Amino acid sequence: MKKHIGIVTTGVILLLAANLPATIIELPLNCAGTYDTGPGWSVDFDLGDEFTDISHVYIDWSGEITAARAVYYNNPNDSFIVPVGITTHIGNPPNWKHTDFWGGESTYPNAQTFDVKSEYIYGKMPWSELYDGKGNMKIYYSAPGLMEGYIIENGLVTLNNAKLIIDGTLVPEPTTIFLLAIGVGGIIMRKKMF
């Protein structure tokens, strides 16, 4: 009978642990500044928490984008406006995930403001490399690749604020599991006594 109670208790604990509510972790990023054709910004991070599952990863960022100007090889005297972007990667190639924001062409020569939450794209690959709460990321300026022309005036991105947002299920703390076990054990013992 004790073995049966132990199996039931373990099953209930695992069931409760598996149904823990999702948690949103936010990590403010110290990456404000001006981004152009330079190397960008990078950081290794440790969230201080571990996950059993991660459903979504976002970057919430704001700033301004000024578009670039380009010309075609066959018409170098007639320039045109092209959008530029700010891009971010998490992880290392070939398994990195990315997201970006592009703009500036509609307000050129003035900057276009942005305040968006962009989701990292990971295709069919899970977020398991972040389950330990540790990772690395990079933020940098992006310009379009022009097959029939070239950039003559680089654009500019000013990043004012950014934070990494991870939506996932945290690994339960040992204390939580212990308290769940005591609670379930107490319920079982009470039913057995009465």
N, C-alpha and C. Protein backbone atom coordinates (compact mmCIF):
# COMPACT_ATOMS: atom_id res chain seq x y z
N MET A 1 0.82 -1.20 0.00
CA MET A 1 0.00 0.00 0.00
C MET A 1 0.86 1.26 0.00
N LYS A 2 1.97 1.25 0.78
CA LYS A 2 2.85 2.41 0.82
C LYS A 2 3.45 2.69 -0.55
N LYS A 3 3.78 1.61 -1.28
CA LYS A 3 4.35 1.77 -2.61
C LYS A 3 3.33 2.44 -3.53
N HIS A 4 2.06 2.03 -3.41
CA HIS A 4 0.98 2.61 -4.21
C HIS A 4 0.83 4.10 -3.90
N ILE A 5 0.89 4.47 -2.62
CA ILE A 5 0.77 5.87 -2.22
C ILE A 5 1.95 6.67 -2.79
N GLY A 6 3.14 6.09 -2.72
CA GLY A 6 4.33 6.77 -3.25
C GLY A 6 4.22 7.01 -4.74
N ILE A 7 3.72 6.03 -5.48
CA ILE A 7 3.57 6.18 -6.93
C ILE A 7 2.53 7.25 -7.24
N VAL A 8 1.42 7.23 -6.51
CA VAL A 8 0.37 8.23 -6.72
C VAL A 8 0.90 9.63 -6.39
N THR A 9 1.62 9.75 -5.28
CA THR A 9 2.18 11.04 -4.89
C THR A 9 3.13 11.57 -5.96
N THR A 10 4.03 10.71 -6.43
CA THR A 10 4.97 11.11 -7.48
C THR A 10 4.23 11.54 -8.74
N GLY A 11 3.21 10.79 -9.11
CA GLY A 11 2.43 11.13 -10.29
C GLY A 11 1.74 12.47 -10.16
N VAL A 12 1.17 12.74 -8.98
CA VAL A 12 0.48 14.01 -8.76
C VAL A 12 1.48 15.17 -8.80
N ILE A 13 2.66 14.98 -8.18
CA ILE A 13 3.69 16.02 -8.19
C ILE A 13 4.13 16.33 -9.62
N LEU A 14 4.37 15.28 -10.39
CA LEU A 14 4.79 15.49 -11.78
C LEU A 14 3.69 16.17 -12.59
N LEU A 15 2.44 15.78 -12.34
CA LEU A 15 1.32 16.41 -13.04
C LEU A 15 1.22 17.89 -12.69
N LEU A 16 1.35 18.21 -11.40
CA LEU A 16 1.30 19.60 -10.99
C LEU A 16 2.48 20.40 -11.55
N ALA A 17 3.66 19.80 -11.52
CA ALA A 17 4.86 20.47 -12.03
C ALA A 17 4.74 20.71 -13.54
N ALA A 18 4.15 19.74 -14.24
CA ALA A 18 4.00 19.88 -15.70
C ALA A 18 2.99 20.95 -16.06
N ASN A 19 2.07 21.26 -15.15
CA ASN A 19 1.04 22.25 -15.43
C ASN A 19 1.31 23.59 -14.76
N LEU A 20 2.57 23.88 -14.46
CA LEU A 20 2.90 25.18 -13.90
C LEU A 20 2.57 26.26 -14.92
N PRO A 21 2.11 27.41 -14.44
CA PRO A 21 1.75 28.47 -15.38
C PRO A 21 2.98 29.04 -16.08
N ALA A 22 2.75 29.55 -17.28
CA ALA A 22 3.83 30.19 -18.03
C ALA A 22 4.25 31.47 -17.31
N THR A 23 5.50 31.79 -17.43
CA THR A 23 6.06 32.98 -16.81
C THR A 23 6.74 33.82 -17.88
N ILE A 24 6.61 35.12 -17.73
CA ILE A 24 7.28 36.03 -18.65
C ILE A 24 8.47 36.65 -17.92
N ILE A 25 9.66 36.43 -18.48
CA ILE A 25 10.89 36.99 -17.93
C ILE A 25 11.32 38.14 -18.84
N GLU A 26 11.62 39.30 -18.27
CA GLU A 26 12.07 40.45 -19.05
C GLU A 26 13.48 40.83 -18.62
N LEU A 27 14.36 40.99 -19.59
CA LEU A 27 15.75 41.37 -19.34
C LEU A 27 16.03 42.69 -20.05
N PRO A 28 16.14 43.82 -19.28
CA PRO A 28 16.51 45.08 -19.92
C PRO A 28 17.92 44.97 -20.51
N LEU A 29 18.09 45.51 -21.70
CA LEU A 29 19.38 45.43 -22.39
C LEU A 29 20.06 46.80 -22.41
N ASN A 30 21.31 46.83 -22.06
CA ASN A 30 22.08 48.06 -22.02
C ASN A 30 22.71 48.30 -23.40
N CYS A 31 21.87 48.51 -24.41
CA CYS A 31 22.35 48.56 -25.79
C CYS A 31 21.97 49.85 -26.50
N ALA A 32 21.55 50.87 -25.75
CA ALA A 32 21.17 52.13 -26.38
C ALA A 32 22.37 52.74 -27.09
N GLY A 33 22.10 53.36 -28.23
CA GLY A 33 23.18 54.00 -28.96
C GLY A 33 22.86 54.12 -30.44
N THR A 34 23.85 54.59 -31.19
CA THR A 34 23.71 54.77 -32.62
C THR A 34 24.34 53.59 -33.35
N TYR A 35 23.61 53.03 -34.30
CA TYR A 35 24.07 51.87 -35.06
C TYR A 35 24.21 52.26 -36.53
N ASP A 36 25.37 51.96 -37.09
CA ASP A 36 25.59 52.17 -38.52
C ASP A 36 26.35 50.95 -39.04
N THR A 37 27.31 51.13 -39.89
CA THR A 37 27.97 49.98 -40.49
C THR A 37 29.01 49.33 -39.59
N GLY A 38 29.10 49.75 -38.33
CA GLY A 38 30.08 49.19 -37.40
C GLY A 38 29.71 47.80 -36.92
N PRO A 39 30.46 47.31 -35.91
CA PRO A 39 30.30 45.93 -35.46
C PRO A 39 29.03 45.64 -34.66
N GLY A 40 28.37 46.63 -34.15
CA GLY A 40 27.15 46.40 -33.38
C GLY A 40 27.44 46.17 -31.91
N TRP A 41 26.49 45.55 -31.23
CA TRP A 41 26.54 45.35 -29.78
C TRP A 41 26.28 43.87 -29.52
N SER A 42 26.98 43.30 -28.56
CA SER A 42 26.73 41.89 -28.23
C SER A 42 26.87 41.69 -26.72
N VAL A 43 26.23 40.63 -26.23
CA VAL A 43 26.27 40.34 -24.79
C VAL A 43 25.99 38.85 -24.56
N ASP A 44 26.64 38.29 -23.56
CA ASP A 44 26.26 36.98 -23.02
C ASP A 44 25.35 37.27 -21.84
N PHE A 45 24.23 36.56 -21.75
CA PHE A 45 23.29 36.84 -20.66
C PHE A 45 22.99 35.58 -19.85
N ASP A 46 22.59 35.80 -18.61
CA ASP A 46 22.16 34.74 -17.70
C ASP A 46 20.93 35.26 -16.99
N LEU A 47 19.79 34.66 -17.27
CA LEU A 47 18.52 35.11 -16.70
C LEU A 47 18.36 34.73 -15.24
N GLY A 48 19.17 33.78 -14.77
CA GLY A 48 19.06 33.35 -13.39
C GLY A 48 17.92 32.37 -13.15
N ASP A 49 17.26 31.94 -14.20
CA ASP A 49 16.17 30.96 -14.11
C ASP A 49 16.38 29.91 -15.19
N GLU A 50 15.81 28.72 -14.95
CA GLU A 50 15.82 27.66 -15.95
C GLU A 50 14.39 27.37 -16.37
N PHE A 51 14.24 26.85 -17.59
CA PHE A 51 12.92 26.62 -18.17
C PHE A 51 12.72 25.15 -18.51
N THR A 52 11.47 24.71 -18.45
CA THR A 52 11.11 23.39 -18.98
C THR A 52 10.55 23.54 -20.39
N ASP A 53 10.09 24.75 -20.72
CA ASP A 53 9.55 25.01 -22.05
C ASP A 53 9.61 26.51 -22.31
N ILE A 54 9.85 26.89 -23.56
CA ILE A 54 9.82 28.29 -23.98
C ILE A 54 8.93 28.36 -25.22
N SER A 55 7.88 29.18 -25.14
CA SER A 55 6.95 29.26 -26.26
C SER A 55 7.27 30.42 -27.21
N HIS A 56 7.71 31.56 -26.66
CA HIS A 56 7.98 32.73 -27.49
C HIS A 56 9.14 33.52 -26.91
N VAL A 57 9.92 34.14 -27.80
CA VAL A 57 10.99 35.05 -27.40
C VAL A 57 10.86 36.30 -28.25
N TYR A 58 10.85 37.46 -27.58
CA TYR A 58 10.66 38.74 -28.26
C TYR A 58 11.78 39.70 -27.88
N ILE A 59 11.91 40.75 -28.67
CA ILE A 59 12.66 41.93 -28.25
C ILE A 59 11.70 43.11 -28.38
N ASP A 60 11.60 43.87 -27.31
CA ASP A 60 10.76 45.07 -27.29
C ASP A 60 11.74 46.25 -27.39
N TRP A 61 11.70 46.96 -28.52
CA TRP A 61 12.70 48.00 -28.74
C TRP A 61 12.09 49.23 -29.36
N SER A 62 12.79 50.36 -29.15
CA SER A 62 12.30 51.63 -29.69
C SER A 62 13.49 52.50 -30.08
N GLY A 63 13.23 53.39 -31.01
CA GLY A 63 14.28 54.29 -31.47
C GLY A 63 13.87 54.99 -32.75
N GLU A 64 14.87 55.31 -33.57
CA GLU A 64 14.64 56.01 -34.83
C GLU A 64 15.50 55.40 -35.93
N ILE A 65 14.93 55.37 -37.15
CA ILE A 65 15.65 54.85 -38.31
C ILE A 65 15.64 55.91 -39.41
N THR A 66 16.82 56.21 -39.95
CA THR A 66 16.95 57.09 -41.11
C THR A 66 17.38 56.23 -42.29
N ALA A 67 16.63 56.32 -43.38
CA ALA A 67 16.90 55.49 -44.57
C ALA A 67 18.22 55.85 -45.23
N ALA A 68 18.64 55.00 -46.16
CA ALA A 68 19.87 55.20 -46.93
C ALA A 68 19.50 55.64 -48.35
N ARG A 69 20.52 56.06 -49.10
CA ARG A 69 20.34 56.39 -50.51
C ARG A 69 21.24 55.48 -51.32
N ALA A 70 20.76 55.11 -52.50
CA ALA A 70 21.52 54.20 -53.37
C ALA A 70 21.36 54.63 -54.82
N VAL A 71 22.17 54.05 -55.67
CA VAL A 71 22.07 54.27 -57.12
C VAL A 71 22.23 52.93 -57.84
N TYR A 72 21.71 52.86 -59.04
CA TYR A 72 21.93 51.69 -59.90
C TYR A 72 23.24 51.89 -60.66
N TYR A 73 23.91 50.79 -60.95
CA TYR A 73 25.17 50.86 -61.70
C TYR A 73 24.98 51.55 -63.06
N ASN A 74 23.86 51.28 -63.71
CA ASN A 74 23.64 51.83 -65.05
C ASN A 74 23.08 53.26 -65.03
N ASN A 75 22.81 53.80 -63.83
CA ASN A 75 22.27 55.16 -63.74
C ASN A 75 22.78 55.81 -62.45
N PRO A 76 24.07 56.07 -62.34
CA PRO A 76 24.65 56.56 -61.09
C PRO A 76 24.26 57.98 -60.71
N ASN A 77 23.60 58.72 -61.60
CA ASN A 77 23.21 60.10 -61.29
C ASN A 77 21.80 60.22 -60.73
N ASP A 78 21.07 59.12 -60.68
CA ASP A 78 19.69 59.15 -60.21
C ASP A 78 19.58 58.28 -58.96
N SER A 79 19.71 58.90 -57.79
CA SER A 79 19.68 58.14 -56.53
C SER A 79 18.25 57.85 -56.09
N PHE A 80 18.12 56.86 -55.25
CA PHE A 80 16.81 56.49 -54.71
C PHE A 80 16.96 56.08 -53.24
N ILE A 81 15.86 56.09 -52.53
CA ILE A 81 15.85 55.82 -51.09
C ILE A 81 15.65 54.33 -50.85
N VAL A 82 16.39 53.78 -49.90
CA VAL A 82 16.21 52.38 -49.50
C VAL A 82 16.08 52.31 -47.98
N PRO A 83 15.21 51.43 -47.49
CA PRO A 83 15.07 51.28 -46.04
C PRO A 83 16.31 50.62 -45.44
N VAL A 84 16.53 50.90 -44.19
CA VAL A 84 17.57 50.20 -43.43
C VAL A 84 16.92 49.57 -42.22
N GLY A 85 17.67 48.75 -41.54
CA GLY A 85 17.08 48.04 -40.42
C GLY A 85 18.02 47.86 -39.25
N ILE A 86 17.43 47.37 -38.18
CA ILE A 86 18.20 46.95 -37.03
C ILE A 86 17.85 45.48 -36.81
N THR A 87 18.88 44.66 -36.66
CA THR A 87 18.71 43.21 -36.61
C THR A 87 19.29 42.69 -35.30
N THR A 88 18.71 41.62 -34.79
CA THR A 88 19.25 40.98 -33.60
C THR A 88 19.23 39.46 -33.78
N HIS A 89 20.28 38.83 -33.30
CA HIS A 89 20.40 37.36 -33.30
C HIS A 89 20.54 36.86 -31.88
N ILE A 90 19.98 35.69 -31.61
CA ILE A 90 20.25 34.96 -30.37
C ILE A 90 20.89 33.64 -30.78
N GLY A 91 21.96 33.26 -30.10
CA GLY A 91 22.63 32.00 -30.40
C GLY A 91 23.74 32.19 -31.41
N ASN A 92 24.27 31.07 -31.85
CA ASN A 92 25.38 31.06 -32.79
C ASN A 92 24.98 30.35 -34.08
N PRO A 93 25.57 30.76 -35.21
CA PRO A 93 25.25 30.07 -36.46
C PRO A 93 25.72 28.62 -36.38
N PRO A 94 25.06 27.68 -36.98
CA PRO A 94 23.94 27.88 -37.91
C PRO A 94 22.58 27.86 -37.22
N ASN A 95 22.55 27.76 -35.89
CA ASN A 95 21.28 27.60 -35.17
C ASN A 95 20.73 28.89 -34.58
N TRP A 96 21.25 30.03 -34.99
CA TRP A 96 20.77 31.25 -34.37
C TRP A 96 19.37 31.60 -34.83
N LYS A 97 18.70 32.37 -34.00
CA LYS A 97 17.37 32.88 -34.32
C LYS A 97 17.50 34.39 -34.49
N HIS A 98 16.67 34.98 -35.33
CA HIS A 98 16.80 36.41 -35.56
C HIS A 98 15.45 37.09 -35.66
N THR A 99 15.50 38.41 -35.52
CA THR A 99 14.36 39.26 -35.84
C THR A 99 14.93 40.62 -36.20
N ASP A 100 14.16 41.41 -36.91
CA ASP A 100 14.64 42.73 -37.31
C ASP A 100 13.48 43.69 -37.50
N PHE A 101 13.82 44.95 -37.65
CA PHE A 101 12.85 45.98 -37.97
C PHE A 101 13.47 46.89 -39.01
N TRP A 102 12.74 47.15 -40.10
CA TRP A 102 13.23 47.96 -41.21
C TRP A 102 12.33 49.18 -41.38
N GLY A 103 12.92 50.28 -41.86
CA GLY A 103 12.10 51.47 -42.12
C GLY A 103 12.93 52.64 -42.56
N GLY A 104 12.33 53.81 -42.44
CA GLY A 104 12.99 55.06 -42.75
C GLY A 104 12.67 55.66 -44.10
N GLU A 105 12.19 54.82 -45.05
CA GLU A 105 11.98 55.35 -46.41
C GLU A 105 10.81 56.32 -46.49
N SER A 106 9.79 56.15 -45.67
CA SER A 106 8.60 57.02 -45.78
C SER A 106 8.82 58.40 -45.19
N THR A 107 9.83 58.57 -44.35
CA THR A 107 10.06 59.87 -43.71
C THR A 107 11.37 60.53 -44.14
N TYR A 108 12.11 59.89 -45.04
CA TYR A 108 13.42 60.41 -45.46
C TYR A 108 13.29 61.83 -46.00
N PRO A 109 14.16 62.75 -45.65
CA PRO A 109 15.43 62.60 -44.95
C PRO A 109 15.31 62.61 -43.42
N ASN A 110 14.10 62.73 -42.92
CA ASN A 110 13.92 62.70 -41.47
C ASN A 110 13.86 61.25 -40.98
N ALA A 111 14.11 61.07 -39.70
CA ALA A 111 14.08 59.74 -39.11
C ALA A 111 12.65 59.28 -38.87
N GLN A 112 12.44 57.99 -38.95
CA GLN A 112 11.16 57.36 -38.62
C GLN A 112 11.29 56.78 -37.22
N THR A 113 10.37 57.12 -36.33
CA THR A 113 10.40 56.54 -34.99
C THR A 113 9.75 55.16 -35.01
N PHE A 114 10.22 54.29 -34.12
CA PHE A 114 9.59 52.98 -33.98
C PHE A 114 9.56 52.58 -32.51
N ASP A 115 8.55 51.84 -32.16
CA ASP A 115 8.38 51.28 -30.81
C ASP A 115 7.60 49.99 -31.02
N VAL A 116 8.31 48.88 -31.19
CA VAL A 116 7.68 47.62 -31.57
C VAL A 116 8.19 46.47 -30.72
N LYS A 117 7.40 45.42 -30.71
CA LYS A 117 7.82 44.16 -30.10
C LYS A 117 7.93 43.15 -31.24
N SER A 118 9.16 42.67 -31.48
CA SER A 118 9.43 41.76 -32.60
C SER A 118 9.71 40.36 -32.05
N GLU A 119 9.08 39.36 -32.65
CA GLU A 119 9.31 37.98 -32.22
C GLU A 119 10.48 37.37 -32.98
N TYR A 120 11.33 36.66 -32.24
CA TYR A 120 12.43 35.96 -32.88
C TYR A 120 11.89 34.80 -33.70
N ILE A 121 12.44 34.62 -34.89
CA ILE A 121 12.02 33.56 -35.80
C ILE A 121 12.94 32.37 -35.61
N TYR A 122 12.36 31.20 -35.38
CA TYR A 122 13.21 30.02 -35.19
C TYR A 122 12.78 28.84 -36.04
N GLY A 123 11.84 29.03 -36.92
CA GLY A 123 11.41 27.93 -37.78
C GLY A 123 10.89 26.76 -36.97
N LYS A 124 11.36 25.57 -37.28
CA LYS A 124 10.89 24.37 -36.60
C LYS A 124 11.79 23.98 -35.43
N MET A 125 12.83 24.76 -35.19
CA MET A 125 13.76 24.41 -34.13
C MET A 125 13.25 24.93 -32.79
N PRO A 126 13.31 24.13 -31.73
CA PRO A 126 12.82 24.58 -30.42
C PRO A 126 13.82 25.54 -29.76
N TRP A 127 13.40 26.11 -28.66
CA TRP A 127 14.23 27.03 -27.91
C TRP A 127 15.03 26.31 -26.83
N SER A 128 15.31 25.02 -27.00
CA SER A 128 15.96 24.24 -25.95
C SER A 128 17.32 24.78 -25.54
N GLU A 129 18.03 25.49 -26.43
CA GLU A 129 19.34 26.01 -26.05
C GLU A 129 19.24 27.13 -25.01
N LEU A 130 18.03 27.65 -24.76
CA LEU A 130 17.84 28.67 -23.73
C LEU A 130 17.22 28.10 -22.46
N TYR A 131 16.99 26.79 -22.40
CA TYR A 131 16.36 26.22 -21.21
C TYR A 131 17.16 26.46 -19.94
N ASP A 132 18.49 26.59 -20.07
CA ASP A 132 19.31 26.86 -18.88
C ASP A 132 19.33 28.35 -18.52
N GLY A 133 18.61 29.17 -19.28
CA GLY A 133 18.53 30.61 -19.00
C GLY A 133 19.73 31.40 -19.45
N LYS A 134 20.65 30.75 -20.17
CA LYS A 134 21.87 31.42 -20.61
C LYS A 134 21.93 31.47 -22.13
N GLY A 135 22.50 32.54 -22.65
CA GLY A 135 22.63 32.65 -24.09
C GLY A 135 23.46 33.86 -24.47
N ASN A 136 23.53 34.11 -25.74
CA ASN A 136 24.22 35.31 -26.22
C ASN A 136 23.41 35.92 -27.35
N MET A 137 23.55 37.22 -27.47
CA MET A 137 22.80 37.92 -28.50
C MET A 137 23.63 39.06 -29.07
N LYS A 138 23.25 39.48 -30.28
CA LYS A 138 23.92 40.56 -30.96
C LYS A 138 22.87 41.45 -31.61
N ILE A 139 23.13 42.76 -31.58
CA ILE A 139 22.26 43.74 -32.24
C ILE A 139 23.13 44.56 -33.17
N TYR A 140 22.67 44.76 -34.40
CA TYR A 140 23.49 45.50 -35.35
C TYR A 140 22.63 46.11 -36.47
N TYR A 141 23.23 47.05 -37.17
CA TYR A 141 22.62 47.74 -38.31
C TYR A 141 22.56 46.82 -39.52
N SER A 142 21.48 46.92 -40.30
CA SER A 142 21.35 46.14 -41.53
C SER A 142 21.02 47.06 -42.70
N ALA A 143 21.62 46.78 -43.83
CA ALA A 143 21.33 47.51 -45.06
C ALA A 143 21.00 46.48 -46.14
N PRO A 144 20.18 46.85 -47.11
CA PRO A 144 19.81 45.88 -48.15
C PRO A 144 20.98 45.56 -49.07
N GLY A 145 20.99 44.36 -49.55
CA GLY A 145 21.95 43.99 -50.59
C GLY A 145 21.37 44.35 -51.94
N LEU A 146 22.05 45.14 -52.70
CA LEU A 146 21.55 45.59 -54.00
C LEU A 146 22.33 44.89 -55.10
N MET A 147 21.64 44.07 -55.88
CA MET A 147 22.31 43.32 -56.95
C MET A 147 22.69 44.21 -58.13
N GLU A 148 21.88 45.25 -58.38
CA GLU A 148 22.13 46.08 -59.56
C GLU A 148 22.54 47.49 -59.19
N GLY A 149 22.95 47.69 -57.94
CA GLY A 149 23.34 49.02 -57.51
C GLY A 149 24.15 48.99 -56.24
N TYR A 150 24.33 50.16 -55.63
CA TYR A 150 25.12 50.24 -54.41
C TYR A 150 24.68 51.44 -53.58
N ILE A 151 24.96 51.36 -52.29
CA ILE A 151 24.61 52.43 -51.35
C ILE A 151 25.61 53.57 -51.51
N ILE A 152 25.09 54.79 -51.60
CA ILE A 152 25.98 55.96 -51.65
C ILE A 152 25.91 56.79 -50.36
N GLU A 153 24.87 56.58 -49.57
CA GLU A 153 24.73 57.29 -48.30
C GLU A 153 24.13 56.31 -47.30
N ASN A 154 24.91 55.89 -46.32
CA ASN A 154 24.42 54.93 -45.34
C ASN A 154 23.32 55.53 -44.48
N GLY A 155 22.40 54.69 -44.10
CA GLY A 155 21.37 55.10 -43.17
C GLY A 155 21.90 55.03 -41.74
N LEU A 156 21.00 55.18 -40.80
CA LEU A 156 21.40 55.25 -39.39
C LEU A 156 20.25 54.76 -38.53
N VAL A 157 20.58 54.05 -37.47
CA VAL A 157 19.57 53.62 -36.49
C VAL A 157 20.02 54.09 -35.12
N THR A 158 19.12 54.77 -34.42
CA THR A 158 19.37 55.14 -33.04
C THR A 158 18.44 54.28 -32.18
N LEU A 159 19.04 53.46 -31.35
CA LEU A 159 18.26 52.59 -30.46
C LEU A 159 18.19 53.25 -29.09
N ASN A 160 16.97 53.52 -28.64
CA ASN A 160 16.79 54.19 -27.34
C ASN A 160 16.66 53.19 -26.20
N ASN A 161 15.84 52.18 -26.39
CA ASN A 161 15.58 51.18 -25.34
C ASN A 161 15.37 49.82 -25.98
N ALA A 162 15.70 48.78 -25.22
CA ALA A 162 15.40 47.42 -25.68
C ALA A 162 15.37 46.49 -24.48
N LYS A 163 14.49 45.50 -24.54
CA LYS A 163 14.49 44.45 -23.53
C LYS A 163 14.13 43.13 -24.17
N LEU A 164 14.77 42.09 -23.70
CA LEU A 164 14.52 40.73 -24.15
C LEU A 164 13.38 40.17 -23.32
N ILE A 165 12.41 39.54 -23.97
CA ILE A 165 11.24 38.98 -23.28
C ILE A 165 11.14 37.51 -23.63
N ILE A 166 11.12 36.66 -22.61
CA ILE A 166 11.00 35.22 -22.81
C ILE A 166 9.73 34.73 -22.12
N ASP A 167 8.89 34.07 -22.88
CA ASP A 167 7.62 33.51 -22.39
C ASP A 167 7.79 32.00 -22.29
N GLY A 168 7.85 31.48 -21.08
CA GLY A 168 8.08 30.06 -20.92
C GLY A 168 7.65 29.56 -19.57
N THR A 169 7.88 28.28 -19.34
CA THR A 169 7.55 27.64 -18.07
C THR A 169 8.84 27.39 -17.32
N LEU A 170 8.91 27.93 -16.11
CA LEU A 170 10.11 27.80 -15.30
C LEU A 170 10.20 26.42 -14.67
N VAL A 171 11.43 25.96 -14.47
CA VAL A 171 11.66 24.73 -13.70
C VAL A 171 11.24 25.02 -12.27
N PRO A 172 10.39 24.18 -11.67
CA PRO A 172 9.96 24.46 -10.29
C PRO A 172 11.14 24.34 -9.33
N GLU A 173 11.15 25.21 -8.34
CA GLU A 173 12.20 25.16 -7.33
C GLU A 173 12.01 23.90 -6.47
N PRO A 174 13.10 23.36 -5.92
CA PRO A 174 12.99 22.17 -5.06
C PRO A 174 12.04 22.38 -3.88
N THR A 175 12.02 23.60 -3.35
CA THR A 175 11.11 23.89 -2.23
C THR A 175 9.66 23.73 -2.65
N THR A 176 9.34 24.18 -3.86
CA THR A 176 7.97 24.06 -4.36
C THR A 176 7.58 22.59 -4.49
N ILE A 177 8.46 21.80 -5.05
CA ILE A 177 8.17 20.37 -5.20
C ILE A 177 8.02 19.71 -3.83
N PHE A 178 8.88 20.08 -2.88
CA PHE A 178 8.80 19.52 -1.53
C PHE A 178 7.46 19.87 -0.88
N LEU A 179 7.04 21.13 -1.00
CA LEU A 179 5.76 21.54 -0.42
C LEU A 179 4.58 20.84 -1.10
N LEU A 180 4.67 20.66 -2.41
CA LEU A 180 3.63 19.92 -3.12
C LEU A 180 3.56 18.48 -2.62
N ALA A 181 4.73 17.88 -2.41
CA ALA A 181 4.77 16.49 -1.93
C ALA A 181 4.16 16.38 -0.55
N ILE A 182 4.48 17.32 0.33
CA ILE A 182 3.90 17.30 1.69
C ILE A 182 2.39 17.47 1.61
N GLY A 183 1.94 18.41 0.78
CA GLY A 183 0.50 18.64 0.65
C GLY A 183 -0.24 17.42 0.12
N VAL A 184 0.30 16.82 -0.92
CA VAL A 184 -0.34 15.63 -1.49
C VAL A 184 -0.30 14.48 -0.49
N GLY A 185 0.85 14.32 0.19
CA GLY A 185 0.96 13.26 1.20
C GLY A 185 -0.04 13.45 2.32
N GLY A 186 -0.23 14.71 2.74
CA GLY A 186 -1.20 14.99 3.80
C GLY A 186 -2.62 14.66 3.37
N ILE A 187 -2.95 14.99 2.12
CA ILE A 187 -4.30 14.67 1.61
C ILE A 187 -4.52 13.17 1.60
N ILE A 188 -3.52 12.45 1.14
CA ILE A 188 -3.64 10.98 1.06
C ILE A 188 -3.77 10.39 2.47
N MET A 189 -2.96 10.87 3.39
CA MET A 189 -3.01 10.36 4.77
C MET A 189 -4.35 10.68 5.42
N ARG A 190 -4.87 11.86 5.16
CA ARG A 190 -6.15 12.25 5.76
C ARG A 190 -7.26 11.35 5.24
N LYS A 191 -7.24 11.07 3.92
CA LYS A 191 -8.27 10.20 3.37
C LYS A 191 -8.13 8.78 3.93
N LYS A 192 -6.90 8.38 4.18
CA LYS A 192 -6.67 7.03 4.70
C LYS A 192 -7.16 6.91 6.14
N MET A 193 -7.01 7.99 6.91
CA MET A 193 -7.41 7.98 8.33
C MET A 193 -8.92 8.08 8.49
N PHE A 194 -9.59 8.72 7.58
CA PHE A 194 -11.04 8.91 7.75
C PHE A 194 -11.84 8.07 6.82
